[in-house]
């Protein structure tokens, strides 16, 4: 389908999933979004048409970056809607939904903390998406993004589950999964101050494997791994020294 004049002046293509995924309605938050536009697009999220669901999910995922979401009190309904679309039968819709959850960290970081447990639950489910490498990789990266915002109680016991899930992808065949998993592990290490006992034990178990993976043939994976390994080791040693101090 020929691109037309898009929503709010952006160039939008309602055709292929690749066009939508790569940036339909990018810049949606650069101008005031009419309420009637939001009301028109919201029902598309539940449309029987996969194309309409993808278009609406990509639009709202992009909108989540904008302060408008908080100003219009849209965060809660959009988080719920994106959570539902994260179960969509179409993998690109699921990926866009997960990305939208991560974009909320830019648009409404303070409010996102209130819904942290629900968001983490959706993202953990995304890690189990065996049908789509892209959804699993997106979930890994979004978890890394939101961990820094969430308080320890919002993550709760899921911290250990996230850690185990991250390690499960270290030996993945796909480069994007290995890289994303090491990015997440680095984020876990940085946010582990209230899980010192667990993470110190975790590093003892995982560090030999981290070192072995430094030989990964993909430079991007090695870079992500080196950062994760350095952070994890440094923190474990720091906590150990503090614990040993009189």
Protein backbone atom coordinates (compact mmCIF):
# COMPACT_ATOMS: atom_id res chain seq x y z
CA UNK A 1 0.00 0.00 0.00
CA UNK A 2 1.31 3.44 -0.92
CA UNK A 3 2.33 5.50 2.08
CA UNK A 4 -0.03 8.36 2.72
CA UNK A 5 0.06 11.41 4.91
CA UNK A 6 0.35 9.84 8.32
CA UNK A 7 -1.15 10.50 11.70
CA UNK A 8 -0.13 13.93 12.97
CA UNK A 9 1.93 14.59 9.89
CA UNK A 10 4.06 11.45 10.18
CA UNK A 11 4.44 9.25 7.15
CA UNK A 12 2.46 6.08 7.86
CA UNK A 13 2.14 2.89 5.92
CA UNK A 14 -0.72 0.59 6.80
CA UNK A 15 0.66 -2.11 4.57
CA UNK A 16 3.31 -4.65 5.49
CA UNK A 17 4.19 -5.59 9.04
CA UNK A 18 7.80 -4.63 8.33
CA UNK A 19 6.75 -1.07 7.47
CA UNK A 20 4.67 -0.76 10.61
CA UNK A 21 7.28 -2.39 12.84
CA UNK A 22 10.06 -0.14 11.58
CA UNK A 23 8.26 3.07 12.45
CA UNK A 24 4.67 3.71 11.45
CA UNK A 25 3.54 6.95 13.09
CA UNK A 26 6.97 7.69 14.51
CA UNK A 27 6.78 11.12 16.02
CA UNK A 28 3.24 10.59 17.23
CA UNK A 29 3.95 12.51 20.39
CA UNK A 30 5.61 15.49 18.72
CA UNK A 31 2.28 17.30 18.36
CA UNK A 32 -0.85 17.32 20.44
CA UNK A 33 -2.73 14.10 19.71
CA UNK A 34 -6.46 14.69 19.26
CA UNK A 35 -8.60 12.74 21.68
CA UNK A 36 -10.79 11.56 18.83
CA UNK A 37 -7.77 9.98 17.17
CA UNK A 38 -6.97 7.96 20.28
CA UNK A 39 -10.60 6.94 20.56
CA UNK A 40 -10.59 5.84 16.92
CA UNK A 41 -7.42 3.80 17.18
CA UNK A 42 -8.00 2.13 20.53
CA UNK A 43 -10.60 -0.36 19.19
CA UNK A 44 -8.09 -1.46 16.54
CA UNK A 45 -6.11 -3.15 19.31
CA UNK A 46 -8.84 -5.82 19.44
CA UNK A 47 -9.59 -5.88 15.73
CA UNK A 48 -9.92 -9.27 13.98
CA UNK A 49 -7.54 -7.80 11.38
CA UNK A 50 -3.91 -8.54 12.25
CA UNK A 51 -2.85 -5.53 10.18
CA UNK A 52 -5.00 -3.15 12.20
CA UNK A 53 -3.88 -4.66 15.50
CA UNK A 54 -0.26 -4.26 14.48
CA UNK A 55 -0.76 -0.66 13.33
CA UNK A 56 -2.53 0.31 16.56
CA UNK A 57 -0.03 -1.51 18.77
CA UNK A 58 2.93 0.13 17.01
CA UNK A 59 1.26 3.55 17.32
CA UNK A 60 0.54 3.24 21.02
CA UNK A 61 3.95 1.68 21.69
CA UNK A 62 5.53 4.79 20.20
CA UNK A 63 3.15 7.07 22.07
CA UNK A 64 4.28 5.52 25.36
CA UNK A 65 7.53 7.49 25.04
CA UNK A 66 5.67 10.78 25.37
CA UNK A 67 4.66 12.72 28.49
CA UNK A 68 1.20 12.90 26.93
CA UNK A 69 0.56 9.41 28.29
CA UNK A 70 0.87 10.67 31.84
CA UNK A 71 -0.86 13.99 31.20
CA UNK A 72 -3.94 12.29 29.72
CA UNK A 73 -3.92 9.54 32.37
CA UNK A 74 -3.51 6.92 29.67
CA UNK A 75 -0.77 4.86 31.28
CA UNK A 76 -2.91 2.31 33.10
CA UNK A 77 -5.31 1.52 30.21
CA UNK A 78 -2.44 1.36 27.75
CA UNK A 79 -0.37 -0.92 29.98
CA UNK A 80 -3.38 -3.23 30.26
CA UNK A 81 -3.98 -3.12 26.50
CA UNK A 82 -0.33 -3.77 25.66
CA UNK A 83 -0.29 -6.60 28.18
CA UNK A 84 -3.15 -8.20 26.29
CA UNK A 85 -1.48 -7.68 22.94
CA UNK A 86 1.66 -9.32 24.33
CA UNK A 87 -0.40 -12.52 24.01
CA UNK A 88 -1.39 -11.81 20.39
CA UNK A 89 -1.12 -14.73 17.95
CA UNK A 90 0.99 -12.54 15.63
CA UNK A 91 4.61 -12.33 16.77
CA UNK A 92 5.24 -8.79 15.45
CA UNK A 93 2.25 -7.54 17.45
CA UNK A 94 3.66 -9.22 20.55
CA UNK A 95 7.04 -7.61 19.93
CA UNK A 96 5.53 -4.13 19.52
CA UNK A 97 3.51 -4.61 22.72
CA UNK A 98 6.63 -5.52 24.67
CA UNK A 99 8.49 -2.56 23.19
CA UNK A 100 5.66 -0.26 24.27
CA UNK A 101 6.00 -1.45 27.86
CA UNK A 102 9.66 -0.49 27.74
CA UNK A 103 8.90 2.91 26.20
CA UNK A 104 6.80 3.75 29.25
CA UNK A 105 10.09 4.07 31.11
CA UNK A 106 10.64 7.26 29.08
CA UNK A 107 7.10 8.61 28.99
CA UNK A 108 5.97 7.97 32.55
CA UNK A 109 8.83 6.55 34.65
CA UNK A 110 7.41 7.47 38.05
CA UNK A 111 3.98 6.02 37.31
CA UNK A 112 5.50 2.91 35.75
CA UNK A 113 6.91 1.99 39.16
CA UNK A 114 3.37 1.55 40.48
CA UNK A 115 2.70 -1.12 37.89
CA UNK A 116 6.13 -2.72 38.07
CA UNK A 117 5.06 -6.20 39.17
CA UNK A 118 2.49 -6.50 36.36
CA UNK A 119 4.99 -5.30 33.74
CA UNK A 120 7.66 -7.72 34.94
CA UNK A 121 5.15 -10.57 34.76
CA UNK A 122 4.35 -9.77 31.11
CA UNK A 123 8.04 -9.54 30.22
CA UNK A 124 8.88 -12.84 31.90
CA UNK A 125 6.17 -14.44 29.80
CA UNK A 126 7.82 -12.90 26.75
CA UNK A 127 11.07 -14.69 27.61
CA UNK A 128 9.20 -17.97 27.21
CA UNK A 129 8.08 -17.09 23.68
CA UNK A 130 9.62 -20.07 21.90
CA UNK A 131 7.87 -19.14 18.65
CA UNK A 132 9.69 -15.82 18.22
CA UNK A 133 13.32 -14.95 18.76
CA UNK A 134 12.44 -11.28 18.30
CA UNK A 135 9.86 -11.27 21.11
CA UNK A 136 12.23 -13.02 23.52
CA UNK A 137 15.10 -10.65 22.66
CA UNK A 138 12.83 -7.61 23.01
CA UNK A 139 11.66 -8.87 26.41
CA UNK A 140 15.26 -9.26 27.59
CA UNK A 141 16.14 -5.71 26.57
CA UNK A 142 12.97 -4.19 28.03
CA UNK A 143 13.57 -5.98 31.33
CA UNK A 144 17.06 -4.47 31.39
CA UNK A 145 15.53 -1.04 30.73
CA UNK A 146 12.85 -1.13 33.43
CA UNK A 147 14.90 -2.82 36.17
CA UNK A 148 16.68 0.42 36.93
CA UNK A 149 13.35 2.14 37.57
CA UNK A 150 11.65 -0.47 39.70
CA UNK A 151 12.00 -0.73 43.44
CA UNK A 152 13.06 -4.03 44.95
CA UNK A 153 9.56 -4.84 46.17
CA UNK A 154 8.15 -4.40 42.64
CA UNK A 155 10.57 -7.02 41.31
CA UNK A 156 10.31 -9.20 44.40
CA UNK A 157 11.02 -12.88 43.99
CA UNK A 158 11.03 -12.37 40.22
CA UNK A 159 14.63 -11.09 40.56
CA UNK A 160 15.91 -14.63 40.92
CA UNK A 161 13.67 -15.85 38.12
CA UNK A 162 14.94 -13.09 35.83
CA UNK A 163 18.51 -14.03 36.66
CA UNK A 164 17.94 -17.70 35.81
CA UNK A 165 16.07 -16.77 32.64
CA UNK A 166 18.91 -14.51 31.54
CA UNK A 167 21.50 -17.27 31.97
CA UNK A 168 19.32 -19.66 29.96
CA UNK A 169 19.97 -17.56 26.83
CA UNK A 170 23.76 -17.34 27.15
CA UNK A 171 24.24 -20.36 24.94
CA UNK A 172 21.50 -19.47 22.45
CA UNK A 173 22.27 -19.98 18.79
CA UNK A 174 20.94 -16.55 17.82
CA UNK A 175 23.36 -13.65 18.38
CA UNK A 176 20.57 -11.23 19.31
CA UNK A 177 19.45 -13.48 22.17
CA UNK A 178 22.97 -13.89 23.58
CA UNK A 179 23.68 -10.15 23.40
CA UNK A 180 20.32 -9.20 24.93
CA UNK A 181 20.76 -11.74 27.73
CA UNK A 182 24.15 -10.29 28.70
CA UNK A 183 22.73 -6.74 28.61
CA UNK A 184 20.03 -7.90 31.02
CA UNK A 185 22.55 -9.63 33.28
CA UNK A 186 24.53 -6.40 33.51
CA UNK A 187 21.35 -4.55 34.48
CA UNK A 188 20.62 -7.18 37.12
CA UNK A 189 24.07 -6.71 38.58
CA UNK A 190 23.62 -2.94 38.72
CA UNK A 191 20.25 -3.22 40.50
CA UNK A 192 21.21 -6.02 42.89
CA UNK A 193 22.06 -3.92 45.94
CA UNK A 194 19.07 -5.25 47.88
CA UNK A 195 19.73 -8.80 46.74
CA UNK A 196 23.38 -8.92 47.73
CA UNK A 197 23.33 -12.34 49.34
CA UNK A 198 21.61 -13.98 46.39
CA UNK A 199 23.61 -12.17 43.72
CA UNK A 200 26.96 -12.84 45.37
CA UNK A 201 26.16 -16.55 45.23
CA UNK A 202 24.85 -16.10 41.71
CA UNK A 203 28.12 -14.55 40.53
CA UNK A 204 30.14 -17.37 42.08
CA UNK A 205 28.14 -19.87 40.04
CA UNK A 206 27.87 -17.88 36.83
CA UNK A 207 31.26 -16.16 36.56
CA UNK A 208 33.18 -19.13 35.06
CA UNK A 209 30.54 -19.37 32.35
CA UNK A 210 30.76 -15.63 31.72
CA UNK A 211 34.50 -15.93 31.21
CA UNK A 212 34.08 -18.84 28.79
CA UNK A 213 31.65 -16.80 26.71
CA UNK A 214 34.22 -14.03 26.29
CA UNK A 215 35.31 -16.00 23.23
CA UNK A 216 31.96 -15.38 21.51
CA UNK A 217 32.51 -14.83 17.76
CA UNK A 218 30.11 -11.84 17.68
CA UNK A 219 31.74 -8.53 18.75
CA UNK A 220 28.42 -7.08 19.98
CA UNK A 221 27.92 -10.09 22.25
CA UNK A 222 31.47 -9.78 23.62
CA UNK A 223 30.96 -6.09 24.39
CA UNK A 224 27.71 -6.74 26.26
CA UNK A 225 29.27 -9.68 28.06
CA UNK A 226 32.38 -7.79 29.12
CA UNK A 227 30.26 -5.05 30.68
CA UNK A 228 28.04 -7.55 32.51
CA UNK A 229 30.98 -9.58 33.79
CA UNK A 230 32.90 -6.53 35.02
CA UNK A 231 29.88 -5.11 36.84
CA UNK A 232 28.91 -8.42 38.43
CA UNK A 233 32.43 -9.25 39.59
CA UNK A 234 33.12 -5.76 40.93
CA UNK A 235 29.92 -5.68 42.99
CA UNK A 236 30.43 -9.17 44.36
CA UNK A 237 33.96 -8.29 45.45
CA UNK A 238 32.84 -4.96 46.92
CA UNK A 239 30.06 -6.58 48.95
CA UNK A 240 32.47 -9.29 50.09
CA UNK A 241 34.95 -6.70 51.37
CA UNK A 242 32.23 -4.80 53.20
CA UNK A 243 30.93 -7.95 54.81
CA UNK A 244 34.45 -8.79 56.01
CA UNK A 245 35.08 -5.33 57.45
CA UNK A 246 34.89 -4.99 61.25
